Protein backbone atom coordinates (compact mmCIF):
# COMPACT_ATOMS: atom_id res chain seq x y z
CA MET A 1 173.57 139.63 18.40
CA SER A 2 171.30 141.17 15.45
CA ILE A 3 171.61 140.67 11.98
CA GLY A 4 173.06 143.94 11.16
CA GLU A 5 175.77 143.66 13.52
CA ALA A 6 178.18 141.66 10.96
CA GLN A 7 177.23 143.63 7.78
CA ASP A 8 180.76 144.56 7.22
CA GLY A 9 182.48 141.21 7.33
CA GLU A 10 182.45 137.58 6.65
CA LEU A 11 181.56 134.88 8.67
CA ARG A 12 183.10 131.08 7.86
CA PHE A 13 182.42 127.59 8.75
CA GLU A 14 184.59 124.60 7.37
CA ASP A 15 184.60 125.06 3.80
CA PHE A 16 181.81 128.07 3.59
CA VAL A 17 181.64 131.79 3.78
CA LEU A 18 178.97 134.15 4.28
CA ASP A 19 179.28 137.26 2.62
CA CYS A 20 177.78 140.14 4.70
CA VAL A 21 178.15 142.48 2.43
CA ASP A 22 177.27 141.40 -0.79
CA GLU A 23 174.53 139.16 1.24
CA ARG A 24 176.12 135.70 -0.63
CA LEU A 25 176.87 132.12 0.54
CA ILE A 26 179.71 130.79 -0.81
CA GLY A 27 180.79 127.25 -0.90
CA PRO A 28 183.64 125.16 -1.73
CA ARG A 29 182.63 125.34 -6.02
CA GLY A 30 181.60 129.00 -5.53
CA PRO A 31 178.71 130.79 -4.66
CA ILE A 32 175.53 128.57 -3.83
CA LYS A 33 171.87 130.15 -4.68
CA ILE A 34 169.60 130.78 -1.73
CA GLY A 35 166.58 133.01 -0.99
CA ASN A 36 166.73 136.41 0.85
CA LYS A 37 165.04 134.71 3.70
CA ALA A 38 167.26 131.85 3.85
CA PHE A 39 170.44 133.90 3.92
CA LYS A 40 168.97 135.84 6.98
CA VAL A 41 168.20 132.82 9.22
CA LEU A 42 171.46 131.43 8.39
CA LEU A 43 173.46 134.75 9.24
CA LEU A 44 171.27 134.99 12.19
CA MET A 45 172.02 131.50 13.48
CA ALA A 46 175.86 131.73 12.67
CA GLN A 47 175.84 134.61 14.99
CA GLN A 48 174.46 132.90 17.91
CA ASN A 49 178.16 130.96 18.93
CA GLY A 50 176.76 127.79 19.01
CA ARG A 51 173.35 129.40 21.36
CA LEU A 52 169.99 128.04 20.94
CA LEU A 53 167.49 130.52 18.52
CA THR A 54 164.11 130.36 19.29
CA LYS A 55 161.16 130.57 16.77
CA ASP A 56 159.98 133.41 17.94
CA VAL A 57 163.19 135.23 17.65
CA LEU A 58 163.60 134.25 14.09
CA PHE A 59 159.71 135.19 13.18
CA SER A 60 160.22 138.50 14.75
CA SER A 61 163.57 139.17 13.29
CA VAL A 62 163.46 137.65 9.39
CA TRP A 63 159.82 137.93 8.79
CA ASP A 64 159.62 141.49 10.95
CA GLY A 65 156.57 140.13 13.09
CA THR A 66 154.59 139.55 9.42
CA ILE A 67 152.40 136.54 10.85
CA VAL A 68 153.05 133.62 8.88
CA SER A 69 152.90 129.79 9.33
CA GLU A 70 155.53 127.72 10.99
CA SER A 71 155.70 125.92 7.85
CA SER A 72 157.69 128.80 6.30
CA LEU A 73 160.39 128.70 8.98
CA THR A 74 160.44 124.92 8.07
CA SER A 75 160.78 125.33 4.16
CA VAL A 76 163.81 128.02 4.60
CA ILE A 77 165.42 125.17 7.25
CA LYS A 78 165.05 122.61 4.52
CA GLU A 79 166.32 124.81 1.95
CA LEU A 80 169.47 125.64 4.07
CA ARG A 81 169.91 121.87 4.36
CA ARG A 82 169.91 121.44 1.10
CA ALA A 83 172.50 124.17 0.50
CA LEU A 84 174.99 122.79 3.08
CA GLY A 85 174.15 119.25 2.24
CA ASP A 86 173.18 118.84 5.81
CA GLU A 87 171.28 116.08 7.69
CA SER A 88 168.55 116.56 9.79
CA ARG A 89 169.15 113.17 11.91
CA THR A 90 172.94 113.54 12.25
CA PRO A 91 173.47 117.32 11.65
CA ARG A 92 176.98 119.04 11.12
CA TYR A 93 175.54 122.40 10.91
CA ILE A 94 171.92 123.04 11.78
CA GLU A 95 170.51 121.24 14.99
CA SER A 96 166.90 120.91 15.68
CA VAL A 97 165.72 121.70 19.22
CA TYR A 98 162.51 119.85 19.24
CA GLY A 99 159.36 122.34 20.09
CA ARG A 100 161.90 125.49 20.40
CA GLY A 101 163.84 126.54 17.31
CA TYR A 102 167.72 125.57 15.95
CA ARG A 103 171.08 125.96 17.09
CA PHE A 104 173.84 126.35 14.36
CA ILE A 105 176.66 123.62 15.77
CA ALA A 106 179.66 124.35 13.73
CA PRO A 107 182.53 126.65 14.80
CA VAL A 108 181.88 129.78 13.24
CA THR A 109 185.28 132.42 12.28
CA LYS A 110 184.72 136.08 11.35
CA GLY A 111 186.97 138.18 8.83
CA ILE A 112 187.17 141.44 7.27
CA ALA A 113 185.92 141.41 3.58
CA MET A 114 188.82 142.77 1.11
CA ALA A 115 188.25 144.81 -1.50
CA GLY A 116 187.51 142.49 -4.97
CA SER A 117 188.06 139.47 -2.95
CA SER A 118 185.19 137.36 -0.93
CA ARG A 119 188.05 135.79 1.35
CA GLY A 120 189.62 138.10 4.17
CA ALA A 121 191.42 137.42 7.31
CA THR A 122 189.94 135.47 9.72
CA GLN A 123 189.45 135.66 13.73
CA LYS A 124 187.55 133.05 15.94
CA LEU A 125 184.25 134.54 17.06
CA PRO A 126 184.58 134.71 20.92
CA ALA A 127 182.74 132.18 22.99
CA ALA A 128 179.91 133.07 25.30
CA ASP A 129 182.51 131.38 27.57
CA GLU A 130 185.74 130.40 26.78
CA ALA A 131 186.63 126.58 27.93
CA ALA A 132 189.93 126.42 30.09
CA PRO A 133 192.89 125.18 27.78
CA HIS A 134 192.20 121.46 29.19
CA GLN A 135 188.94 121.20 28.44
CA SER A 136 187.96 118.92 25.36
CA ASP A 137 186.13 120.13 22.27
CA GLY A 138 182.73 118.51 23.58
CA ARG A 139 183.02 120.26 27.05
CA ARG A 140 183.73 123.38 24.84
CA GLU A 141 180.53 122.79 23.00
CA GLN A 142 178.54 122.58 26.29
CA GLN A 143 179.90 126.09 27.47
CA GLY A 144 177.40 128.02 28.94
CA ARG A 145 174.73 125.44 28.25
CA PRO A 146 172.20 123.34 30.25
CA PRO A 147 172.33 119.30 30.22
CA LEU A 148 171.50 118.02 26.63
CA VAL A 149 169.11 115.38 26.63
CA LEU A 150 169.01 113.29 23.52
CA VAL A 151 165.75 111.11 22.92
CA SER A 152 166.19 108.39 20.29
CA ARG A 153 163.77 106.11 18.57
CA PHE A 154 161.95 103.51 20.91
CA HIS A 155 162.38 100.18 20.46
CA ASP A 156 159.20 98.51 19.59
CA GLU A 157 160.10 95.34 17.21
CA ALA A 158 158.62 92.71 20.23
CA ILE A 159 154.98 94.84 19.71
CA CYS A 160 155.32 96.55 16.65
CA LEU A 161 152.65 93.84 14.34
CA ARG A 162 149.79 94.54 17.51
CA HIS A 163 150.47 98.07 18.24
CA PRO A 164 151.91 99.74 15.05
CA TYR A 165 152.11 103.21 16.80
CA CYS A 166 152.23 103.04 20.37
CA ALA A 167 155.84 103.76 20.60
CA GLN A 168 155.91 106.50 17.95
CA GLU A 169 152.60 108.05 20.10
CA LEU A 170 154.80 107.62 23.41
CA ARG A 171 158.01 109.17 21.82
CA GLU A 172 155.84 112.15 20.83
CA GLU A 173 154.35 112.62 23.95
CA VAL A 174 157.51 112.25 25.82
CA LEU A 175 159.09 114.63 23.74
CA SER A 176 156.10 117.34 23.90
CA GLY A 177 156.36 116.80 27.64
CA LEU A 178 159.94 117.34 27.77
CA ALA A 179 159.95 120.43 25.62
CA ARG A 180 158.05 122.15 28.48
CA VAL A 181 161.11 121.69 30.52
CA ARG A 182 163.54 124.91 30.03
CA GLU A 183 166.49 123.40 32.14
CA ILE A 184 167.69 120.98 29.54
CA GLN A 185 168.79 121.24 25.67
CA LEU A 186 166.20 118.70 24.09
CA VAL A 187 167.57 117.18 20.81
CA ALA A 188 165.33 114.36 18.75
CA ASN A 189 167.15 111.82 17.01
CA ASP A 190 165.31 109.59 14.93
CA CYS A 191 167.93 106.69 14.65
CA PHE A 192 168.07 104.27 17.33
CA GLU A 193 169.73 104.01 20.31
CA GLU A 194 173.43 103.04 19.41
CA GLU A 195 173.48 105.37 16.18
CA ALA A 196 171.74 108.22 17.93
CA SER A 197 174.29 108.23 20.59
CA HIS A 198 177.33 108.48 18.07
CA SER A 199 176.30 111.73 16.97
CA ARG A 200 176.25 113.42 20.41
CA SER A 201 178.39 113.37 23.18
CA GLY A 202 179.55 115.78 26.27
CA ALA A 203 180.00 116.29 30.01
CA ARG A 204 176.54 117.25 30.08
CA GLY A 205 175.19 114.79 27.90
CA TYR A 206 172.26 112.13 28.91
CA GLN A 207 170.32 109.91 26.37
CA LEU A 208 166.55 108.73 27.27
CA ILE A 209 165.94 105.32 25.57
CA ALA A 210 162.67 103.28 25.57
CA THR A 211 162.15 99.69 25.01
CA LEU A 212 158.61 98.47 24.71
CA LEU A 213 157.64 94.79 25.02
CA PRO A 214 154.59 92.66 25.27
CA GLU A 215 152.65 92.22 28.56
CA GLY A 216 149.54 89.94 28.01
CA ASP A 217 147.15 91.83 26.26
CA GLY A 218 149.15 95.51 26.93
CA VAL A 219 152.60 96.85 26.47
CA LYS A 220 155.20 96.78 29.28
CA VAL A 221 157.77 100.23 28.86
CA ILE A 222 161.06 99.99 30.20
CA ALA A 223 162.75 103.63 30.02
CA ARG A 224 166.36 104.53 31.06
CA ALA A 225 168.30 107.87 30.93
CA LYS A 226 172.16 107.33 30.53
CA ARG A 227 175.03 109.69 30.36
CA LEU A 228 176.18 109.97 26.61
CA ASN A 229 179.47 109.99 27.35
CA ASP A 230 180.25 106.55 29.56
CA GLY A 231 176.52 104.92 29.51
CA LEU A 232 176.47 104.84 33.25
CA ILE A 233 172.67 104.67 33.87
CA VAL A 234 171.43 107.08 35.83
CA TRP A 235 167.49 106.53 36.19
CA ALA A 236 165.40 103.49 35.05
CA ASP A 237 161.98 102.55 35.50
CA THR A 238 159.36 99.84 34.33
CA MET A 239 155.68 100.78 33.30
CA SER A 240 152.47 99.33 32.08
CA LEU A 241 150.28 100.17 29.39
CA ALA A 242 146.68 98.27 29.43
CA ASP A 243 146.09 98.45 26.32
CA GLY A 244 148.92 99.48 24.31
CA GLY A 245 148.22 103.29 24.07
CA THR A 246 145.20 104.70 25.73
CA ALA A 247 145.31 108.27 25.91
CA GLY A 248 145.04 108.25 29.68
CA GLY A 249 147.50 105.30 29.89
CA VAL A 250 150.30 107.55 27.83
CA GLU A 251 149.73 110.37 29.76
CA LYS A 252 150.44 108.58 33.04
CA ILE A 253 153.45 107.01 31.96
CA VAL A 254 154.84 110.25 30.62
CA ARG A 255 154.23 112.17 33.86
CA ARG A 256 156.50 109.15 35.29
CA ILE A 257 159.56 109.85 32.69
CA VAL A 258 159.17 113.08 32.61
CA GLY A 259 158.88 113.89 36.23
CA ALA A 260 161.65 111.33 37.70
CA ALA A 261 164.12 110.80 34.82
CA LEU A 262 164.48 114.88 34.92
CA PRO A 263 165.40 114.92 38.44
CA ALA A 264 167.68 112.05 38.44
CA VAL A 265 169.60 113.67 35.73
CA ASP A 266 169.79 116.87 37.92
CA ASP A 267 171.25 115.11 40.62
CA ASP A 268 174.00 113.70 38.34
CA VAL A 269 175.16 116.70 37.02
CA LEU A 270 175.48 118.16 40.68
CA LEU A 271 177.29 115.34 41.97
CA GLY A 272 179.65 115.74 38.84
CA LEU A 273 180.25 119.53 39.27
CA PRO A 274 184.42 120.73 39.70
CA ARG A 275 185.04 122.67 42.61
CA ASN A 276 185.90 125.63 40.84
CA ALA A 277 184.67 126.27 37.03
CA SER A 278 184.94 128.86 34.37
CA ASP A 279 182.06 127.89 32.64
CA VAL A 280 179.05 129.74 33.30
CA TYR A 281 176.76 127.20 33.47
CA ASP A 282 178.83 125.54 35.97
CA ARG A 283 179.15 127.99 38.13
CA TYR A 284 175.48 128.66 38.62
CA LEU A 285 174.91 124.94 39.40
CA ILE A 286 177.71 125.14 42.08
CA ALA A 287 176.13 128.68 43.60
CA LYS A 288 172.46 126.79 43.07
CA ARG A 289 173.78 123.78 45.27
CA LYS A 290 175.57 126.23 47.30
CA SER A 291 172.32 128.12 48.08
CA PHE A 292 170.06 124.98 48.94
CA VAL A 293 172.76 123.19 51.07
CA ALA A 294 174.53 126.03 52.73
CA ALA A 295 175.00 124.87 56.76
CA ASP A 296 175.42 128.63 58.02
CA PHE A 297 174.79 132.58 56.90
CA VAL A 298 178.24 132.89 55.24
CA GLU A 299 177.75 129.80 52.89
CA ALA A 300 174.32 131.02 51.97
CA LYS A 301 175.75 134.76 51.53
CA GLY A 302 178.62 133.79 49.02
CA ALA A 303 175.86 131.77 46.91
CA ALA A 304 174.29 135.00 46.36
CA ASP A 305 177.24 136.79 45.87
CA ALA A 306 178.23 134.29 43.13
CA LEU A 307 174.73 134.42 41.60
CA GLU A 308 175.15 138.20 41.55
CA ARG A 309 178.42 138.54 39.84
CA ILE A 310 177.20 136.04 37.23
CA LEU A 311 174.08 138.33 36.66
CA VAL A 312 176.19 141.13 36.34
CA GLU A 313 178.31 139.26 33.32
CA ARG A 314 175.22 137.87 31.87
CA PRO A 315 172.16 139.65 33.01
CA ASP A 316 170.70 137.47 30.21
CA PHE A 317 170.80 134.43 31.93
CA ALA A 318 167.91 133.59 33.45
CA PRO A 319 168.42 130.66 35.38
CA ALA A 320 170.53 132.28 38.11
CA TYR A 321 167.51 134.60 38.98
CA ALA A 322 165.17 132.04 40.53
CA PRO A 323 167.75 130.68 43.52
CA LEU A 324 168.73 134.24 44.16
CA VAL A 325 165.47 135.43 44.66
CA ARG A 326 164.91 132.30 46.98
CA LEU A 327 167.84 133.52 49.24
CA TYR A 328 166.52 137.30 49.70
CA ASN A 329 162.71 135.77 50.16
CA THR A 330 163.43 133.11 53.10
CA ASP A 331 166.14 134.73 54.91
CA PHE A 332 169.07 133.20 52.93
CA GLY A 333 168.09 129.65 53.28
CA TYR A 334 166.80 130.12 56.71
CA THR A 335 170.18 130.54 57.86
CA ALA A 336 170.21 133.64 59.33
CA PHE A 337 166.57 134.21 60.73
CA GLY A 338 165.23 137.87 60.53
CA SER A 339 167.59 138.73 58.02
CA THR A 340 165.57 139.72 54.95
CA GLY A 341 162.64 142.06 55.45
CA ALA A 342 160.63 144.60 53.30
CA ARG A 343 163.74 145.75 51.49
CA GLU A 344 165.23 142.69 50.43
CA ARG A 345 161.55 141.17 49.25
CA ALA A 346 161.22 144.44 47.39
CA TYR A 347 164.25 143.50 45.46
CA ALA A 348 163.54 140.23 45.16
CA LEU A 349 160.73 141.01 43.38
CA LYS A 350 162.47 143.04 40.95
CA LEU A 351 164.76 140.27 40.37
CA ALA A 352 161.74 138.18 39.45
CA LYS A 353 160.73 140.42 37.14
CA ASN A 354 163.82 140.42 35.37
CA GLY A 355 163.91 136.64 35.66
CA LEU A 356 161.23 136.55 33.84
CA ALA A 357 162.08 139.23 30.94
CA ALA A 358 164.89 136.96 30.18
CA ASP A 359 162.62 133.45 29.85
CA ARG A 360 159.14 134.16 29.82
CA ALA A 361 158.80 130.45 28.97
CA ASN A 362 160.35 129.23 32.02
CA ALA A 363 158.17 127.98 34.65
CA HIS A 364 160.39 128.46 37.49
CA ALA A 365 160.40 132.16 36.52
CA HIS A 366 156.57 132.18 36.75
CA SER A 367 156.93 130.37 40.30
CA VAL A 368 159.42 132.52 41.64
CA LEU A 369 157.51 135.87 40.60
CA GLY A 370 154.11 133.84 42.17
CA TRP A 371 156.09 133.68 45.85
CA CYS A 372 157.45 137.38 45.31
CA TYR A 373 153.37 138.04 45.05
CA LEU A 374 152.24 136.04 47.53
CA TRP A 375 154.60 137.56 50.48
CA ARG A 376 153.36 140.92 49.21
CA ASP A 377 149.87 140.10 50.06
CA GLU A 378 148.92 140.38 46.20
CA ARG A 379 146.99 137.18 45.78
CA VAL A 380 145.58 137.37 42.44
CA LEU A 381 148.81 137.97 40.89
CA SER A 382 150.16 135.35 42.80
CA ARG A 383 147.43 132.71 41.65
CA THR A 384 147.85 133.63 38.13
CA SER A 385 151.67 133.32 37.84
CA PHE A 386 151.27 129.69 39.61
CA GLU A 387 148.56 129.02 36.90
CA GLN A 388 151.09 130.10 34.48
CA ALA A 389 153.99 127.94 36.01
CA LEU A 390 151.33 125.17 35.77
CA ALA A 391 150.66 125.17 32.49
CA LEU A 392 154.06 125.49 31.40
CA ASN A 393 155.48 122.75 33.18
CA PRO A 394 152.58 120.28 34.89
CA TYR A 395 155.23 117.64 35.05
CA ASN A 396 157.73 119.27 37.70
CA HIS A 397 156.47 117.94 40.74
CA VAL A 398 158.81 120.69 42.29
CA ARG A 399 156.86 123.22 40.56
CA VAL A 400 153.56 121.33 41.66
CA GLN A 401 154.40 121.04 45.22
CA GLU A 402 155.00 124.59 45.23
CA ALA A 403 151.86 125.55 43.86
CA ALA A 404 149.70 123.55 46.28
CA THR A 405 151.35 125.08 48.94
CA ALA A 406 150.86 128.98 47.93
CA TRP A 407 146.86 127.34 47.14
CA MET A 408 146.99 126.34 50.78
CA TYR A 409 148.39 130.01 52.13
CA MET A 410 145.29 131.39 50.04
CA GLY A 411 142.48 129.04 51.30
CA ASP A 412 141.97 126.91 48.20
CA ILE A 413 142.47 123.65 50.38
CA GLU A 414 140.61 121.39 48.05
CA GLY A 415 143.01 122.69 45.20
CA SER A 416 146.50 122.64 47.55
CA ARG A 417 145.17 118.78 48.03
CA SER A 418 144.51 118.09 44.57
CA LEU A 419 147.98 119.46 43.94
CA LEU A 420 149.89 117.32 46.70
CA GLU A 421 148.48 114.40 45.29
CA ARG A 422 149.35 115.01 41.52
CA ALA A 423 153.24 116.08 43.09
CA ALA A 424 152.88 112.36 44.87
CA GLU A 425 152.22 110.84 41.62
CA LEU A 426 155.07 112.66 40.06
CA ASN A 427 157.77 111.89 42.20
CA PRO A 428 157.35 108.76 43.95
CA ASN A 429 160.35 108.85 46.39
CA LEU A 430 158.67 111.52 48.64
CA ASP A 431 161.19 113.79 50.28
CA ASP A 432 161.15 116.00 53.47
CA ALA A 433 159.85 119.00 51.95
CA PHE A 434 156.73 117.00 50.64
CA TYR A 435 155.70 115.56 54.34
CA GLN A 436 156.21 119.42 55.97
CA ASP A 437 153.84 120.60 53.10
CA LEU A 438 151.47 117.53 53.57
CA GLY A 439 151.44 117.96 57.41
CA ARG A 440 151.09 121.72 56.95
CA LEU A 441 147.69 121.27 55.10
CA GLN A 442 146.68 118.98 57.70
CA PHE A 443 147.10 121.38 60.34
CA ILE A 444 145.36 123.79 58.29
CA GLU A 445 142.36 121.32 57.69
CA GLY A 446 142.65 120.46 61.58
CA ASP A 447 143.35 116.86 61.51
CA LEU A 448 146.03 117.34 63.89
CA GLU A 449 147.20 113.49 64.52
CA ALA A 450 147.24 113.07 60.71
CA ALA A 451 149.54 116.32 60.75
CA ARG A 452 151.58 115.12 63.31
CA THR A 453 152.35 111.72 61.75
CA SER A 454 153.59 113.53 58.23
CA LEU A 455 155.61 115.88 60.24
CA GLU A 456 157.17 113.01 62.34
CA SER A 457 158.09 111.62 58.59
CA VAL A 458 160.41 114.86 58.17
CA ALA A 459 163.79 113.10 58.57
CA HIS A 460 165.93 116.24 59.03
CA GLY A 461 164.26 118.80 61.25
CA LEU A 462 163.37 121.58 58.99
CA ILE A 463 162.41 124.71 60.65
CA TRP A 464 158.71 124.81 59.78
CA SER A 465 158.34 121.12 60.45
CA ASP A 466 159.76 121.49 63.79
CA LEU A 467 157.35 124.49 64.90
CA TYR A 468 154.15 122.85 63.34
CA LEU A 469 155.22 119.48 64.87
CA GLY A 470 155.65 121.44 68.37
CA ALA A 471 152.14 123.13 67.87
CA CYS A 472 150.31 119.84 66.96
CA GLU A 473 152.02 118.14 70.30
CA ILE A 474 150.79 120.80 72.40
CA ALA A 475 147.19 120.99 70.60
CA LEU A 476 147.08 116.85 71.11
CA GLY A 477 148.45 116.91 75.06
CA VAL A 478 151.75 115.44 74.33
CA ASN A 479 154.43 116.16 76.76
CA SER A 480 157.08 116.31 74.32
CA GLY A 481 155.37 119.31 72.96
CA ARG A 482 156.48 122.34 74.90
CA ASP A 483 160.20 120.70 74.90
CA ARG A 484 159.98 120.62 71.42
CA LEU A 485 159.13 124.01 70.98
CA GLY A 486 161.53 125.11 73.84
CA GLU A 487 164.36 123.68 70.92
CA TRP A 488 163.15 125.22 68.32
CA HIS A 489 163.11 128.57 70.04
CA GLU A 490 166.88 127.98 70.68
CA ARG A 491 167.73 127.26 67.11
CA VAL A 492 166.09 130.23 65.97
CA LEU A 493 167.92 132.30 68.73
CA ASN A 494 171.36 131.30 67.92
CA SER A 495 170.93 131.75 64.16
CA TRP A 496 168.72 135.49 64.30
CA ARG A 497 170.08 137.93 62.54
CA SER A 498 172.11 140.23 65.34
CA ALA A 499 172.81 140.02 69.27
CA ARG A 500 169.70 141.27 70.19
CA PRO A 501 167.11 138.52 70.81
CA PRO A 502 163.76 139.30 69.03
CA SER A 503 160.75 139.58 71.74
CA ARG A 504 157.65 137.39 71.37
CA GLU A 505 156.21 140.38 69.23
CA GLU A 506 158.86 140.55 66.72
CA LEU A 507 159.14 136.43 66.75
CA LEU A 508 155.52 136.09 66.02
CA ARG A 509 155.68 138.52 63.11
CA TRP A 510 158.58 136.72 61.71
CA VAL A 511 156.33 133.52 62.17
CA GLY A 512 153.33 134.92 60.26
CA ARG A 513 155.42 136.67 57.73
CA HIS A 514 156.92 133.43 56.15
CA ASN A 515 153.57 131.00 57.36
CA PRO A 516 150.31 133.56 56.06
CA LEU A 517 147.92 130.73 56.98
CA PRO A 518 144.36 131.45 56.06
CA GLY A 519 141.44 132.18 58.74
CA GLU A 520 141.35 130.07 61.70
CA SER A 521 144.19 127.92 61.19
CA ASN A 522 146.69 131.23 61.48
CA SER A 523 145.07 131.65 65.16
CA ARG A 524 145.70 128.28 66.24
CA LEU A 525 149.15 127.96 65.20
CA PHE A 526 149.96 131.33 66.99
CA ARG A 527 148.17 130.20 70.02
CA LEU A 528 149.61 126.92 70.25
CA VAL A 529 153.07 128.66 69.60
CA GLU A 530 152.56 131.42 72.40
CA ALA A 531 151.57 128.62 74.82
CA GLY A 532 154.58 126.56 74.00
CA LEU A 533 157.33 129.22 73.56
CA PRO A 534 159.71 129.75 76.84
CA GLU A 535 158.49 132.52 79.15
CA PRO A 536 160.23 135.84 78.53
CA GLY A 537 163.95 135.60 79.07
CA VAL A 538 164.33 132.12 79.76
CA THR A 539 166.50 130.69 77.20
CA ALA A 540 169.23 127.74 77.05
CA ARG A 541 171.67 129.65 75.47
CA ALA A 542 172.63 133.43 74.27
CA PRO A 543 171.95 134.34 70.54
CA ARG A 544 175.37 134.85 68.25
CA ALA A 545 175.33 137.30 66.22
CA ILE A 546 174.96 137.10 62.40
CA ARG A 547 177.60 139.15 60.83
């Protein structure tokens, strides 16, 4: 909503009225004097229905794009806090979102200004997504928003005499790392744990806390992430700072906290989702989860349709683009092989660009666009997109691992290995996707024994890990190689998009489209796969049509 849209009425919150006609702030004791910039900032925030208002939008709207220092906005916010009697540590009206902007958190109603009166009839401003009648007020505050992560003051009583600035330095670096993540609402509160937690609650609220204790000449850091509503701990770790705060030591701990705590929060949010929801963010999370765990094409297509519906309603809802693009780029999450081709990938590129336009600071939006460019063999654009994703959020092990895969497809083997090592450091609990990527890299490097070992570590038979493992076994003369590729071939036929099975040429083109390996490694894969595939016309089971 732009500033001009409310110029014919009033906006009310608690005992205050914003008179949009006379451009005045009226309090319980009458008009309150504030500057023109302060009025515009307050009006713009109040119009957002609790949504985040970024600093960039404020500068472009209120200052008309004029280049000013960030202190100008900070001074205006301080002026408004004084006028409203608001506190930055326990805000009732203006909430600071670290590194990103501000959010007006008080309920706002809209009124029509009466002639000769500053008070008019009121009506509640429509929320972005109305909560169901049974939902609590805390739940209403979370409508359409990602999980809130509250970072309170770190406990350093045991080490503050020897290392007086260690806790402050570590907390600021953690906040800086978390501020790069678009999938959360980040709130900094300078109070200690209990007092800070009382200021926030909600179904999607979490608190990150840390205690610093002496450990020889250094410092031990005990960090935890817990739910705000019931205190359940969803993640905890203990780390060491050798000398209480060298830059390298702090950076390592920040990578572990940011890289491990947030995935734990994401997992907890997904576990608590309802079967059905009206809230747009819950609907998005449900569809996103289904897009990754779909057992067949019907479930995957249902997830795609749900994401499409969200974007019809909310084209600016940036998170929904990425999982939808993935479905259209990967045969609906590899549930209907051969179902996506040039048309679907062109549509995926369009969606990826729309997603980036909706939120250019979202690292995932850049990596999704990078995949789209890579599938079109536009490698310079692809690399630029992945590099931007890494710059925006170097702490997300999934984004780092995606870039590692793209690097190996582009032939940058050394860069790919470096990124995989970084991903492993960020996520010590290595998953199937990591072992598949590591095995693929080792296959490209020609170390087939190592590749076989890595691929055998994949617990759930991913479609490409099985293919590479069979190819490695054939190259190494292992008897099970042909059987493995035969089973892989049958699996592909059983999930092919039509009743007609693909020819060898079609099948190999499909493999190459999803695995654009560089140089000799590409030829090696095709030779080994051809050698291990059953003879034409020999299948254990007829393929099923995908409807």
